């Protein structure tokens, strides 16, 4: 989290997990909500050059999903698990 975003979490809250490519790999994606964030320094690797941090409110996330702006499956699955936990 800190490397890519510059934020440190005071607390990580587990919300669930999913299998992103069932039948292809045995990979499991675990989803957490980062709480009590502390702003720090971004320290990305060279391969992550060009990565952007987009900070939005939950309603904006919902709008972007409805308008098919956000299409990434891992993002959508993670958002659904987190959304169930925070009960928007």
N, C-alpha and C. Protein backbone atom coordinates (compact mmCIF):
# COMPACT_ATOMS: atom_id res chain seq x y z
N UNK A 1 0.83 -1.20 0.00
CA UNK A 1 0.00 0.00 0.00
C UNK A 1 0.87 1.25 0.00
N UNK A 2 1.80 1.31 0.93
CA UNK A 2 2.61 2.52 1.06
C UNK A 2 3.49 2.76 -0.16
N UNK A 3 4.07 1.69 -0.69
CA UNK A 3 4.95 1.81 -1.85
C UNK A 3 4.24 2.46 -3.04
N UNK A 4 3.04 1.98 -3.35
CA UNK A 4 2.33 2.44 -4.53
C UNK A 4 1.55 3.74 -4.32
N UNK A 5 1.00 3.94 -3.10
CA UNK A 5 0.11 5.09 -2.88
C UNK A 5 0.72 6.18 -2.01
N UNK A 6 1.71 5.83 -1.20
CA UNK A 6 2.26 6.79 -0.25
C UNK A 6 1.50 6.78 1.07
N UNK A 7 0.43 6.00 1.16
CA UNK A 7 -0.35 5.93 2.40
C UNK A 7 0.04 4.72 3.23
N UNK A 8 0.06 4.91 4.53
CA UNK A 8 0.28 3.83 5.49
C UNK A 8 -1.05 3.61 6.21
N UNK A 9 -1.43 2.36 6.40
CA UNK A 9 -2.69 2.06 7.08
C UNK A 9 -2.46 1.90 8.57
N UNK A 10 -3.27 2.59 9.36
CA UNK A 10 -3.23 2.39 10.80
C UNK A 10 -3.83 1.04 11.16
N UNK A 11 -4.78 0.60 10.32
CA UNK A 11 -5.46 -0.68 10.55
C UNK A 11 -5.88 -1.26 9.20
N UNK A 12 -5.66 -2.56 9.03
CA UNK A 12 -6.17 -3.28 7.85
C UNK A 12 -7.30 -4.20 8.30
N UNK A 13 -8.44 -4.08 7.65
CA UNK A 13 -9.61 -4.87 8.00
C UNK A 13 -9.93 -5.84 6.86
N UNK A 14 -9.84 -7.13 7.14
CA UNK A 14 -10.12 -8.16 6.14
C UNK A 14 -11.60 -8.14 5.80
N UNK A 15 -11.92 -8.15 4.48
CA UNK A 15 -13.32 -8.16 4.08
C UNK A 15 -13.72 -9.39 3.28
N UNK A 16 -12.76 -10.11 2.75
CA UNK A 16 -13.11 -11.32 2.01
C UNK A 16 -12.06 -11.67 0.97
N UNK A 17 -12.38 -12.69 0.19
CA UNK A 17 -11.46 -13.13 -0.86
C UNK A 17 -12.25 -13.71 -2.02
N UNK A 18 -11.58 -13.79 -3.16
CA UNK A 18 -12.20 -14.36 -4.35
C UNK A 18 -11.13 -15.02 -5.21
N UNK A 19 -11.57 -15.88 -6.11
CA UNK A 19 -10.68 -16.59 -7.03
C UNK A 19 -10.82 -15.89 -8.39
N UNK A 20 -9.81 -15.13 -8.83
CA UNK A 20 -9.95 -14.34 -10.05
C UNK A 20 -9.92 -15.13 -11.35
N UNK A 21 -9.26 -16.28 -11.36
CA UNK A 21 -9.17 -17.06 -12.61
C UNK A 21 -9.38 -18.54 -12.30
N UNK A 22 -10.55 -18.86 -11.80
CA UNK A 22 -10.89 -20.23 -11.44
C UNK A 22 -10.71 -21.15 -12.64
N UNK A 23 -10.05 -22.27 -12.43
CA UNK A 23 -9.82 -23.23 -13.50
C UNK A 23 -8.54 -22.96 -14.29
N UNK A 24 -7.96 -21.78 -14.10
CA UNK A 24 -6.72 -21.43 -14.80
C UNK A 24 -5.55 -21.48 -13.83
N UNK A 25 -5.73 -20.87 -12.66
CA UNK A 25 -4.70 -20.90 -11.61
C UNK A 25 -5.38 -21.13 -10.27
N UNK A 26 -4.57 -21.39 -9.25
CA UNK A 26 -5.12 -21.54 -7.90
C UNK A 26 -4.94 -20.25 -7.10
N UNK A 27 -4.74 -19.15 -7.79
CA UNK A 27 -4.56 -17.84 -7.16
C UNK A 27 -5.81 -17.43 -6.38
N UNK A 28 -5.60 -16.82 -5.22
CA UNK A 28 -6.68 -16.28 -4.41
C UNK A 28 -6.36 -14.82 -4.13
N UNK A 29 -7.32 -13.94 -4.37
CA UNK A 29 -7.16 -12.52 -4.08
C UNK A 29 -7.86 -12.21 -2.77
N UNK A 30 -7.12 -11.65 -1.82
CA UNK A 30 -7.67 -11.28 -0.52
C UNK A 30 -7.86 -9.77 -0.49
N UNK A 31 -9.00 -9.34 0.03
CA UNK A 31 -9.37 -7.92 0.01
C UNK A 31 -9.42 -7.38 1.43
N UNK A 32 -8.84 -6.21 1.60
CA UNK A 32 -8.80 -5.53 2.89
C UNK A 32 -9.24 -4.08 2.71
N UNK A 33 -9.81 -3.51 3.76
CA UNK A 33 -10.06 -2.07 3.80
C UNK A 33 -8.97 -1.46 4.67
N UNK A 34 -8.29 -0.45 4.15
CA UNK A 34 -7.25 0.26 4.90
C UNK A 34 -7.92 1.42 5.63
N UNK A 35 -7.75 1.45 6.93
CA UNK A 35 -8.36 2.51 7.75
C UNK A 35 -7.28 3.32 8.45
N UNK A 36 -7.66 4.51 8.92
CA UNK A 36 -6.75 5.41 9.64
C UNK A 36 -5.48 5.65 8.83
N UNK A 37 -5.67 6.14 7.62
CA UNK A 37 -4.55 6.33 6.69
C UNK A 37 -3.65 7.49 7.11
N UNK A 38 -2.36 7.29 6.92
CA UNK A 38 -1.35 8.30 7.20
C UNK A 38 -0.59 8.54 5.89
N UNK A 39 -0.56 9.81 5.44
CA UNK A 39 0.11 10.15 4.18
C UNK A 39 1.62 10.09 4.35
N UNK A 40 2.28 9.42 3.41
CA UNK A 40 3.73 9.29 3.42
C UNK A 40 4.29 9.55 2.04
N UNK A 41 5.39 8.93 1.74
CA UNK A 41 6.06 9.10 0.45
C UNK A 41 5.80 7.91 -0.48
N UNK A 42 5.53 8.21 -1.73
CA UNK A 42 5.38 7.18 -2.76
C UNK A 42 6.77 6.67 -3.12
N UNK A 43 6.92 5.34 -3.24
CA UNK A 43 8.22 4.75 -3.57
C UNK A 43 8.01 3.61 -4.57
N UNK A 44 7.57 3.96 -5.77
CA UNK A 44 7.26 2.95 -6.78
C UNK A 44 8.51 2.40 -7.45
N UNK A 45 8.40 1.16 -7.92
CA UNK A 45 9.47 0.55 -8.70
C UNK A 45 9.42 1.11 -10.12
N UNK A 46 10.51 0.93 -10.86
CA UNK A 46 10.57 1.42 -12.25
C UNK A 46 9.44 0.87 -13.10
N UNK A 47 9.08 -0.38 -12.87
CA UNK A 47 8.02 -1.02 -13.67
C UNK A 47 6.65 -0.41 -13.39
N UNK A 48 6.52 0.33 -12.30
CA UNK A 48 5.25 0.96 -11.93
C UNK A 48 5.19 2.43 -12.35
N UNK A 49 6.18 2.86 -13.12
CA UNK A 49 6.21 4.23 -13.60
C UNK A 49 4.96 4.52 -14.42
N UNK A 50 4.35 5.64 -14.21
CA UNK A 50 3.13 5.98 -14.93
C UNK A 50 1.86 5.61 -14.18
N UNK A 51 2.01 4.88 -13.07
CA UNK A 51 0.85 4.52 -12.26
C UNK A 51 0.29 5.79 -11.61
N UNK A 52 -1.03 5.91 -11.60
CA UNK A 52 -1.68 7.07 -11.00
C UNK A 52 -2.52 6.65 -9.81
N UNK A 53 -2.59 7.51 -8.81
CA UNK A 53 -3.46 7.31 -7.67
C UNK A 53 -4.69 8.18 -7.88
N UNK A 54 -5.86 7.57 -7.90
CA UNK A 54 -7.11 8.28 -8.08
C UNK A 54 -7.90 8.18 -6.78
N UNK A 55 -8.09 9.31 -6.11
CA UNK A 55 -8.83 9.33 -4.85
C UNK A 55 -10.25 9.82 -5.13
N UNK A 56 -11.23 8.95 -4.88
CA UNK A 56 -12.63 9.29 -5.14
C UNK A 56 -13.49 8.86 -3.96
N UNK A 57 -14.67 9.45 -3.87
CA UNK A 57 -15.62 9.07 -2.83
C UNK A 57 -16.44 7.88 -3.33
N UNK A 58 -17.06 7.13 -2.43
CA UNK A 58 -17.82 5.94 -2.84
C UNK A 58 -18.88 6.21 -3.91
N UNK A 59 -19.57 7.33 -3.82
CA UNK A 59 -20.60 7.65 -4.81
C UNK A 59 -20.00 7.83 -6.20
N UNK A 60 -18.80 8.38 -6.26
CA UNK A 60 -18.11 8.55 -7.55
C UNK A 60 -17.71 7.18 -8.11
N UNK A 61 -17.28 6.28 -7.24
CA UNK A 61 -16.93 4.92 -7.66
C UNK A 61 -18.16 4.24 -8.27
N UNK A 62 -19.29 4.36 -7.59
CA UNK A 62 -20.53 3.76 -8.09
C UNK A 62 -20.91 4.34 -9.45
N UNK A 63 -20.76 5.65 -9.61
CA UNK A 63 -21.08 6.30 -10.88
C UNK A 63 -20.16 5.77 -11.99
N UNK A 64 -18.88 5.66 -11.69
CA UNK A 64 -17.91 5.20 -12.69
C UNK A 64 -18.17 3.75 -13.10
N UNK A 65 -18.65 2.94 -12.17
CA UNK A 65 -19.01 1.56 -12.49
C UNK A 65 -20.26 1.54 -13.38
N UNK A 66 -21.28 2.32 -13.00
CA UNK A 66 -22.52 2.36 -13.78
C UNK A 66 -22.29 2.86 -15.20
N UNK A 67 -21.35 3.80 -15.35
CA UNK A 67 -21.07 4.37 -16.67
C UNK A 67 -20.02 3.56 -17.43
N UNK A 68 -19.66 2.39 -16.90
CA UNK A 68 -18.71 1.48 -17.54
C UNK A 68 -17.32 2.11 -17.74
N UNK A 69 -16.96 3.02 -16.85
CA UNK A 69 -15.63 3.62 -16.87
C UNK A 69 -14.65 2.67 -16.18
N UNK A 70 -15.11 2.10 -15.07
CA UNK A 70 -14.32 1.08 -14.37
C UNK A 70 -14.83 -0.27 -14.83
N UNK A 71 -13.93 -1.07 -15.46
CA UNK A 71 -14.31 -2.35 -16.05
C UNK A 71 -13.48 -3.51 -15.54
N UNK A 72 -12.40 -3.21 -14.84
CA UNK A 72 -11.46 -4.23 -14.39
C UNK A 72 -12.13 -5.19 -13.41
N UNK A 73 -12.06 -6.48 -13.71
CA UNK A 73 -12.72 -7.49 -12.90
C UNK A 73 -12.25 -7.55 -11.46
N UNK A 74 -10.94 -7.42 -11.24
CA UNK A 74 -10.43 -7.47 -9.87
C UNK A 74 -10.90 -6.26 -9.07
N UNK A 75 -10.97 -5.11 -9.72
CA UNK A 75 -11.47 -3.90 -9.06
C UNK A 75 -12.94 -4.07 -8.71
N UNK A 76 -13.73 -4.57 -9.65
CA UNK A 76 -15.17 -4.75 -9.43
C UNK A 76 -15.44 -5.75 -8.31
N UNK A 77 -14.74 -6.87 -8.31
CA UNK A 77 -14.93 -7.89 -7.26
C UNK A 77 -14.50 -7.34 -5.91
N UNK A 78 -13.38 -6.65 -5.87
CA UNK A 78 -12.89 -6.08 -4.61
C UNK A 78 -13.86 -5.02 -4.09
N UNK A 79 -14.36 -4.18 -4.98
CA UNK A 79 -15.31 -3.14 -4.58
C UNK A 79 -16.58 -3.76 -4.01
N UNK A 80 -17.08 -4.82 -4.63
CA UNK A 80 -18.30 -5.46 -4.13
C UNK A 80 -18.09 -6.00 -2.71
N UNK A 81 -16.97 -6.66 -2.47
CA UNK A 81 -16.68 -7.17 -1.13
C UNK A 81 -16.56 -6.03 -0.12
N UNK A 82 -15.84 -4.98 -0.49
CA UNK A 82 -15.67 -3.83 0.41
C UNK A 82 -16.99 -3.13 0.64
N UNK A 83 -17.76 -2.97 -0.42
CA UNK A 83 -19.06 -2.29 -0.34
C UNK A 83 -20.01 -3.04 0.60
N UNK A 84 -19.98 -4.36 0.56
CA UNK A 84 -20.81 -5.16 1.47
C UNK A 84 -20.41 -4.90 2.92
N UNK A 85 -19.12 -4.71 3.16
CA UNK A 85 -18.62 -4.51 4.52
C UNK A 85 -18.97 -3.12 5.06
N UNK A 86 -18.83 -2.10 4.22
CA UNK A 86 -19.08 -0.74 4.70
C UNK A 86 -20.53 -0.32 4.52
N UNK A 87 -21.31 -1.15 3.84
CA UNK A 87 -22.76 -0.94 3.66
C UNK A 87 -23.10 0.47 3.19
N UNK A 88 -22.69 0.77 1.96
CA UNK A 88 -23.00 2.08 1.38
C UNK A 88 -24.46 2.18 1.03
